[in-house]
Amino acid sequence: MSKPALAIAITILLSLTAVVGDYFLKRAAELPDPFKTMWFAVGLIIYASTAFGTVFVFLHIKLAIASVVYSVSFVLFLTLLGIVFFNESLETGEVVGIGMAVASLMLLGRFL
């Protein structure tokens, strides 16, 4: 696997890691004093851990590419998190938006 391809794969894993961190932060936010909970501490540690991978990514691909891959994969993973763990539902416009996000990744892949 080439370094840019590995960097893109790591970017997707970083977004998944951030979504896991968001899960814990959402749990903390549901409590009366969220900043003093173990949920918050775990979410903070998970977010901080992504800094190491981010530096590797920035060494091998442009910020613009990394940000698009990260943002789209983050939105997709976060949407899945909301549906699976928080019983949220999607409306038609949201499904169309998700389809467009996936299409943007496919377009981006053509120019790498």
N, C-alpha and C. Protein backbone atom coordinates (compact mmCIF):
# COMPACT_ATOMS: atom_id res chain seq x y z
N MET A 1 0.85 -1.17 0.00
CA MET A 1 0.00 0.00 0.00
C MET A 1 0.90 1.24 0.00
N SER A 2 0.61 2.18 -0.88
CA SER A 2 1.40 3.41 -0.95
C SER A 2 1.17 4.28 0.29
N LYS A 3 2.09 5.20 0.54
CA LYS A 3 1.96 6.08 1.72
C LYS A 3 0.70 6.95 1.65
N PRO A 4 0.35 7.54 0.47
CA PRO A 4 -0.89 8.31 0.42
C PRO A 4 -2.13 7.45 0.68
N ALA A 5 -2.16 6.23 0.15
CA ALA A 5 -3.31 5.35 0.39
C ALA A 5 -3.39 4.97 1.87
N LEU A 6 -2.24 4.70 2.48
CA LEU A 6 -2.22 4.40 3.90
C LEU A 6 -2.68 5.61 4.72
N ALA A 7 -2.26 6.80 4.30
CA ALA A 7 -2.67 8.02 4.99
C ALA A 7 -4.19 8.22 4.91
N ILE A 8 -4.78 7.89 3.77
CA ILE A 8 -6.23 8.01 3.63
C ILE A 8 -6.94 6.98 4.51
N ALA A 9 -6.42 5.76 4.54
CA ALA A 9 -7.01 4.74 5.41
C ALA A 9 -6.91 5.16 6.88
N ILE A 10 -5.78 5.72 7.26
CA ILE A 10 -5.62 6.19 8.64
C ILE A 10 -6.56 7.35 8.92
N THR A 11 -6.76 8.21 7.95
CA THR A 11 -7.70 9.33 8.12
C THR A 11 -9.10 8.81 8.42
N ILE A 12 -9.52 7.77 7.71
CA ILE A 12 -10.84 7.18 7.96
C ILE A 12 -10.88 6.56 9.35
N LEU A 13 -9.82 5.89 9.75
CA LEU A 13 -9.77 5.33 11.11
C LEU A 13 -9.77 6.42 12.18
N LEU A 14 -9.12 7.54 11.89
CA LEU A 14 -9.13 8.66 12.83
C LEU A 14 -10.54 9.22 13.00
N SER A 15 -11.28 9.30 11.91
CA SER A 15 -12.66 9.80 12.02
C SER A 15 -13.51 8.82 12.81
N LEU A 16 -13.29 7.54 12.61
CA LEU A 16 -14.02 6.53 13.39
C LEU A 16 -13.65 6.65 14.87
N THR A 17 -12.39 6.86 15.15
CA THR A 17 -11.95 7.04 16.53
C THR A 17 -12.61 8.26 17.16
N ALA A 18 -12.69 9.35 16.40
CA ALA A 18 -13.34 10.56 16.91
C ALA A 18 -14.83 10.31 17.20
N VAL A 19 -15.47 9.51 16.37
CA VAL A 19 -16.88 9.18 16.61
C VAL A 19 -17.03 8.37 17.89
N VAL A 20 -16.10 7.47 18.15
CA VAL A 20 -16.13 6.74 19.42
C VAL A 20 -15.98 7.73 20.58
N GLY A 21 -15.07 8.70 20.42
CA GLY A 21 -14.93 9.74 21.43
C GLY A 21 -16.22 10.52 21.62
N ASP A 22 -16.89 10.82 20.51
CA ASP A 22 -18.18 11.54 20.58
C ASP A 22 -19.24 10.73 21.32
N TYR A 23 -19.20 9.42 21.18
CA TYR A 23 -20.13 8.58 21.92
C TYR A 23 -19.99 8.84 23.42
N PHE A 24 -18.76 8.84 23.89
CA PHE A 24 -18.54 9.06 25.32
C PHE A 24 -18.91 10.49 25.73
N LEU A 25 -18.62 11.46 24.87
CA LEU A 25 -18.97 12.84 25.18
C LEU A 25 -20.49 13.05 25.20
N LYS A 26 -21.20 12.36 24.31
CA LYS A 26 -22.66 12.43 24.31
C LYS A 26 -23.21 11.84 25.61
N ARG A 27 -22.65 10.73 26.06
CA ARG A 27 -23.06 10.13 27.34
C ARG A 27 -22.80 11.10 28.48
N ALA A 28 -21.65 11.78 28.45
CA ALA A 28 -21.35 12.75 29.50
C ALA A 28 -22.34 13.91 29.47
N ALA A 29 -22.71 14.35 28.28
CA ALA A 29 -23.62 15.48 28.14
C ALA A 29 -25.02 15.18 28.68
N GLU A 30 -25.35 13.92 28.81
CA GLU A 30 -26.68 13.54 29.33
C GLU A 30 -26.74 13.60 30.86
N LEU A 31 -25.61 13.86 31.50
CA LEU A 31 -25.55 13.87 32.96
C LEU A 31 -25.52 15.30 33.50
N PRO A 32 -25.91 15.48 34.77
CA PRO A 32 -26.00 16.83 35.34
C PRO A 32 -24.70 17.63 35.35
N ASP A 33 -23.57 17.00 35.61
CA ASP A 33 -22.28 17.69 35.64
C ASP A 33 -21.31 16.97 34.70
N PRO A 34 -21.48 17.17 33.37
CA PRO A 34 -20.78 16.35 32.39
C PRO A 34 -19.26 16.41 32.46
N PHE A 35 -18.69 17.54 32.85
CA PHE A 35 -17.24 17.68 32.82
C PHE A 35 -16.54 16.96 33.97
N LYS A 36 -17.29 16.44 34.90
CA LYS A 36 -16.70 15.74 36.04
C LYS A 36 -17.00 14.24 35.99
N THR A 37 -17.27 13.72 34.81
CA THR A 37 -17.63 12.32 34.67
C THR A 37 -16.51 11.52 34.00
N MET A 38 -16.57 10.23 34.21
CA MET A 38 -15.63 9.33 33.54
C MET A 38 -15.89 9.34 32.04
N TRP A 39 -17.16 9.48 31.64
CA TRP A 39 -17.51 9.54 30.22
C TRP A 39 -16.72 10.65 29.53
N PHE A 40 -16.69 11.84 30.16
CA PHE A 40 -15.97 12.97 29.59
C PHE A 40 -14.47 12.68 29.50
N ALA A 41 -13.91 12.13 30.57
CA ALA A 41 -12.47 11.84 30.60
C ALA A 41 -12.09 10.86 29.48
N VAL A 42 -12.89 9.83 29.29
CA VAL A 42 -12.61 8.84 28.24
C VAL A 42 -12.71 9.50 26.87
N GLY A 43 -13.75 10.30 26.65
CA GLY A 43 -13.90 11.00 25.37
C GLY A 43 -12.74 11.92 25.08
N LEU A 44 -12.27 12.62 26.10
CA LEU A 44 -11.14 13.53 25.96
C LEU A 44 -9.87 12.77 25.59
N ILE A 45 -9.62 11.67 26.25
CA ILE A 45 -8.43 10.86 25.97
C ILE A 45 -8.48 10.31 24.54
N ILE A 46 -9.63 9.86 24.13
CA ILE A 46 -9.77 9.32 22.77
C ILE A 46 -9.49 10.41 21.74
N TYR A 47 -10.07 11.59 21.93
CA TYR A 47 -9.82 12.69 21.00
C TYR A 47 -8.34 13.06 20.97
N ALA A 48 -7.71 13.15 22.13
CA ALA A 48 -6.30 13.52 22.19
C ALA A 48 -5.42 12.49 21.47
N SER A 49 -5.81 11.24 21.53
CA SER A 49 -5.01 10.18 20.90
C SER A 49 -4.96 10.30 19.38
N THR A 50 -5.93 10.97 18.79
CA THR A 50 -5.95 11.09 17.33
C THR A 50 -4.86 12.04 16.81
N ALA A 51 -4.28 12.84 17.67
CA ALA A 51 -3.25 13.79 17.23
C ALA A 51 -2.05 13.08 16.61
N PHE A 52 -1.68 11.93 17.15
CA PHE A 52 -0.52 11.21 16.62
C PHE A 52 -0.76 10.75 15.18
N GLY A 53 -1.92 10.19 14.93
CA GLY A 53 -2.24 9.75 13.58
C GLY A 53 -2.38 10.91 12.61
N THR A 54 -2.90 12.02 13.11
CA THR A 54 -3.09 13.19 12.26
C THR A 54 -1.76 13.72 11.75
N VAL A 55 -0.76 13.72 12.58
CA VAL A 55 0.57 14.18 12.15
C VAL A 55 1.09 13.27 11.03
N PHE A 56 0.95 11.97 11.17
CA PHE A 56 1.36 11.04 10.10
C PHE A 56 0.63 11.35 8.80
N VAL A 57 -0.68 11.55 8.91
CA VAL A 57 -1.49 11.83 7.72
C VAL A 57 -0.98 13.09 7.02
N PHE A 58 -0.73 14.15 7.79
CA PHE A 58 -0.31 15.42 7.19
C PHE A 58 1.07 15.34 6.55
N LEU A 59 1.85 14.36 6.93
CA LEU A 59 3.15 14.17 6.28
C LEU A 59 3.01 13.60 4.87
N HIS A 60 1.89 12.95 4.59
CA HIS A 60 1.78 12.19 3.34
C HIS A 60 0.68 12.63 2.38
N ILE A 61 -0.28 13.41 2.84
CA ILE A 61 -1.30 13.93 1.92
C ILE A 61 -1.60 15.39 2.26
N LYS A 62 -2.17 16.09 1.30
CA LYS A 62 -2.51 17.49 1.49
C LYS A 62 -3.60 17.64 2.54
N LEU A 63 -3.59 18.78 3.20
CA LEU A 63 -4.61 19.09 4.19
C LEU A 63 -6.01 19.07 3.55
N ALA A 64 -6.12 19.59 2.35
CA ALA A 64 -7.42 19.63 1.67
C ALA A 64 -7.98 18.22 1.46
N ILE A 65 -7.14 17.31 1.05
CA ILE A 65 -7.58 15.92 0.82
C ILE A 65 -7.95 15.28 2.16
N ALA A 66 -7.08 15.44 3.14
CA ALA A 66 -7.32 14.84 4.45
C ALA A 66 -8.62 15.37 5.06
N SER A 67 -8.85 16.66 4.91
CA SER A 67 -10.04 17.25 5.52
C SER A 67 -11.33 16.76 4.88
N VAL A 68 -11.33 16.57 3.57
CA VAL A 68 -12.52 16.06 2.90
C VAL A 68 -12.78 14.61 3.31
N VAL A 69 -11.75 13.79 3.27
CA VAL A 69 -11.90 12.38 3.65
C VAL A 69 -12.35 12.27 5.10
N TYR A 70 -11.71 13.03 5.98
CA TYR A 70 -12.06 12.99 7.40
C TYR A 70 -13.50 13.46 7.63
N SER A 71 -13.84 14.58 7.03
CA SER A 71 -15.17 15.16 7.26
C SER A 71 -16.30 14.26 6.77
N VAL A 72 -16.15 13.74 5.58
CA VAL A 72 -17.21 12.89 5.02
C VAL A 72 -17.32 11.58 5.80
N SER A 73 -16.19 10.96 6.08
CA SER A 73 -16.26 9.71 6.84
C SER A 73 -16.77 9.96 8.26
N PHE A 74 -16.40 11.09 8.85
CA PHE A 74 -16.89 11.45 10.18
C PHE A 74 -18.40 11.59 10.18
N VAL A 75 -18.94 12.29 9.19
CA VAL A 75 -20.40 12.47 9.10
C VAL A 75 -21.09 11.13 8.93
N LEU A 76 -20.54 10.27 8.09
CA LEU A 76 -21.16 8.96 7.87
C LEU A 76 -21.13 8.11 9.15
N PHE A 77 -19.99 8.07 9.81
CA PHE A 77 -19.88 7.29 11.06
C PHE A 77 -20.75 7.88 12.16
N LEU A 78 -20.80 9.21 12.25
CA LEU A 78 -21.61 9.86 13.28
C LEU A 78 -23.10 9.61 13.03
N THR A 79 -23.50 9.61 11.78
CA THR A 79 -24.88 9.31 11.43
C THR A 79 -25.22 7.88 11.86
N LEU A 80 -24.34 6.96 11.57
CA LEU A 80 -24.54 5.57 11.96
C LEU A 80 -24.63 5.45 13.49
N LEU A 81 -23.78 6.17 14.20
CA LEU A 81 -23.81 6.17 15.66
C LEU A 81 -25.16 6.65 16.18
N GLY A 82 -25.66 7.73 15.60
CA GLY A 82 -26.96 8.26 16.02
C GLY A 82 -28.09 7.29 15.78
N ILE A 83 -28.05 6.60 14.67
CA ILE A 83 -29.11 5.64 14.34
C ILE A 83 -29.03 4.42 15.25
N VAL A 84 -27.85 3.86 15.42
CA VAL A 84 -27.69 2.60 16.16
C VAL A 84 -27.80 2.78 17.67
N PHE A 85 -27.13 3.81 18.22
CA PHE A 85 -27.05 3.91 19.67
C PHE A 85 -28.00 4.92 20.29
N PHE A 86 -28.51 5.87 19.50
CA PHE A 86 -29.36 6.91 20.07
C PHE A 86 -30.74 6.94 19.41
N ASN A 87 -31.08 5.91 18.65
CA ASN A 87 -32.40 5.73 18.05
C ASN A 87 -32.87 6.93 17.23
N GLU A 88 -31.94 7.58 16.53
CA GLU A 88 -32.30 8.67 15.66
C GLU A 88 -32.72 8.11 14.30
N SER A 89 -33.48 8.89 13.57
CA SER A 89 -33.92 8.45 12.25
C SER A 89 -33.52 9.50 11.21
N LEU A 90 -33.52 9.09 9.96
CA LEU A 90 -33.15 9.98 8.86
C LEU A 90 -34.37 10.30 8.01
N GLU A 91 -34.44 11.54 7.59
CA GLU A 91 -35.49 11.94 6.65
C GLU A 91 -34.92 11.87 5.23
N THR A 92 -35.77 11.98 4.26
CA THR A 92 -35.38 11.81 2.86
C THR A 92 -34.24 12.75 2.47
N GLY A 93 -34.33 14.01 2.83
CA GLY A 93 -33.28 14.97 2.48
C GLY A 93 -31.93 14.60 3.09
N GLU A 94 -31.96 14.04 4.27
CA GLU A 94 -30.72 13.62 4.92
C GLU A 94 -30.09 12.44 4.21
N VAL A 95 -30.93 11.51 3.76
CA VAL A 95 -30.43 10.36 3.01
C VAL A 95 -29.81 10.83 1.69
N VAL A 96 -30.46 11.79 1.04
CA VAL A 96 -29.91 12.35 -0.21
C VAL A 96 -28.56 13.02 0.08
N GLY A 97 -28.47 13.77 1.17
CA GLY A 97 -27.21 14.41 1.55
C GLY A 97 -26.11 13.41 1.79
N ILE A 98 -26.44 12.32 2.43
CA ILE A 98 -25.45 11.27 2.68
C ILE A 98 -24.98 10.67 1.36
N GLY A 99 -25.91 10.44 0.45
CA GLY A 99 -25.54 9.93 -0.87
C GLY A 99 -24.61 10.88 -1.60
N MET A 100 -24.87 12.17 -1.47
CA MET A 100 -24.00 13.16 -2.10
C MET A 100 -22.61 13.18 -1.44
N ALA A 101 -22.56 12.97 -0.14
CA ALA A 101 -21.27 12.91 0.56
C ALA A 101 -20.45 11.73 0.05
N VAL A 102 -21.09 10.60 -0.10
CA VAL A 102 -20.39 9.41 -0.63
C VAL A 102 -19.92 9.68 -2.06
N ALA A 103 -20.77 10.33 -2.85
CA ALA A 103 -20.37 10.66 -4.22
C ALA A 103 -19.17 11.60 -4.23
N SER A 104 -19.10 12.53 -3.28
CA SER A 104 -17.96 13.44 -3.23
C SER A 104 -16.67 12.69 -2.94
N LEU A 105 -16.73 11.68 -2.10
CA LEU A 105 -15.53 10.86 -1.84
C LEU A 105 -15.12 10.10 -3.09
N MET A 106 -16.10 9.59 -3.81
CA MET A 106 -15.78 8.84 -5.04
C MET A 106 -15.14 9.77 -6.07
N LEU A 107 -15.66 10.99 -6.18
CA LEU A 107 -15.05 11.97 -7.10
C LEU A 107 -13.63 12.32 -6.68
N LEU A 108 -13.44 12.52 -5.41
CA LEU A 108 -12.12 12.85 -4.89
C LEU A 108 -11.13 11.73 -5.20
N GLY A 109 -11.57 10.51 -5.06
CA GLY A 109 -10.71 9.35 -5.34
C GLY A 109 -10.20 9.31 -6.77
N ARG A 110 -10.94 9.88 -7.68
CA ARG A 110 -10.51 9.90 -9.07
C ARG A 110 -9.32 10.81 -9.30
N PHE A 111 -9.12 11.79 -8.41
CA PHE A 111 -8.06 12.78 -8.61
C PHE A 111 -6.85 12.59 -7.71
N LEU A 112 -6.81 11.49 -6.99
CA LEU A 112 -5.65 11.24 -6.11
C LEU A 112 -4.51 10.62 -6.89
